[in-house]
Amino acid sequence: MSYDWSGARRRRTIATVIGAAFLLAALAATVAAAVAGSIF
């Protein structure tokens, strides 16, 4: 991979965004499971 537009910084930014999205998804799933558990 020899195309490196601002390389490591962009990769770290992408990794941070993906990590944050994953954490948000996990949190949303946990909340949804808790709500579903309290309803059903």
C-alpha atoms as a PDB file:
ATOM      1  CA  MET A   1       0.000   0.000   0.000  1.00  0.00           C
ATOM      2  CA  SER A   2       2.195   2.802  -1.254  1.00  0.00           C
ATOM      3  CA  TYR A   3      -0.522   5.440  -1.458  1.00  0.00           C
ATOM      4  CA  ASP A   4      -0.080   7.379   1.752  1.00  0.00           C
ATOM      5  CA  TRP A   5      -2.059  10.560   1.916  1.00  0.00           C
ATOM      6  CA  SER A   6      -1.157  11.772   5.392  1.00  0.00           C
ATOM      7  CA  GLY A   7      -0.902   8.071   6.221  1.00  0.00           C
ATOM      8  CA  ALA A   8      -0.850   7.212   9.897  1.00  0.00           C
ATOM      9  CA  ARG A   9      -2.966  10.134  11.030  1.00  0.00           C
ATOM     10  CA  ARG A  10      -5.796   9.258   8.626  1.00  0.00           C
ATOM     11  CA  ARG A  11      -5.625   5.606   9.586  1.00  0.00           C
ATOM     12  CA  ARG A  12      -5.795   6.495  13.271  1.00  0.00           C
ATOM     13  CA  THR A  13      -8.749   8.803  12.600  1.00  0.00           C
ATOM     14  CA  ILE A  14     -10.570   6.052  10.710  1.00  0.00           C
ATOM     15  CA  ALA A  15      -9.817   3.579  13.493  1.00  0.00           C
ATOM     16  CA  THR A  16     -11.122   6.053  16.077  1.00  0.00           C
ATOM     17  CA  VAL A  17     -14.327   6.627  14.122  1.00  0.00           C
ATOM     18  CA  ILE A  18     -14.881   2.889  13.671  1.00  0.00           C
ATOM     19  CA  GLY A  19     -14.166   2.279  17.353  1.00  0.00           C
ATOM     20  CA  ALA A  20     -16.577   4.996  18.441  1.00  0.00           C
ATOM     21  CA  ALA A  21     -19.283   3.672  16.118  1.00  0.00           C
ATOM     22  CA  PHE A  22     -18.736   0.156  17.463  1.00  0.00           C
ATOM     23  CA  LEU A  23     -19.007   1.374  21.063  1.00  0.00           C
ATOM     24  CA  LEU A  24     -22.194   3.287  20.237  1.00  0.00           C
ATOM     25  CA  ALA A  25     -23.657   0.208  18.535  1.00  0.00           C
ATOM     26  CA  ALA A  26     -22.790  -1.979  21.527  1.00  0.00           C
ATOM     27  CA  LEU A  27     -24.315   0.559  23.905  1.00  0.00           C
ATOM     28  CA  ALA A  28     -27.467   0.802  21.803  1.00  0.00           C
ATOM     29  CA  ALA A  29     -27.748  -2.995  21.699  1.00  0.00           C
ATOM     30  CA  THR A  30     -27.339  -3.181  25.480  1.00  0.00           C
ATOM     31  CA  VAL A  31     -30.012  -0.532  26.031  1.00  0.00           C
ATOM     32  CA  ALA A  32     -32.328  -2.229  23.534  1.00  0.00           C
ATOM     33  CA  ALA A  33     -31.843  -5.578  25.267  1.00  0.00           C
ATOM     34  CA  ALA A  34     -32.544  -4.020  28.672  1.00  0.00           C
ATOM     35  CA  VAL A  35     -35.686  -2.289  27.392  1.00  0.00           C
ATOM     36  CA  ALA A  36     -36.888  -5.448  25.659  1.00  0.00           C
ATOM     37  CA  GLY A  37     -36.190  -7.434  28.826  1.00  0.00           C
ATOM     38  CA  SER A  38     -38.209  -5.030  30.944  1.00  0.00           C
ATOM     39  CA  ILE A  39     -41.103  -4.993  28.465  1.00  0.00           C
ATOM     40  CA  PHE A  40     -41.351  -8.715  27.679  1.00  0.00           C
END
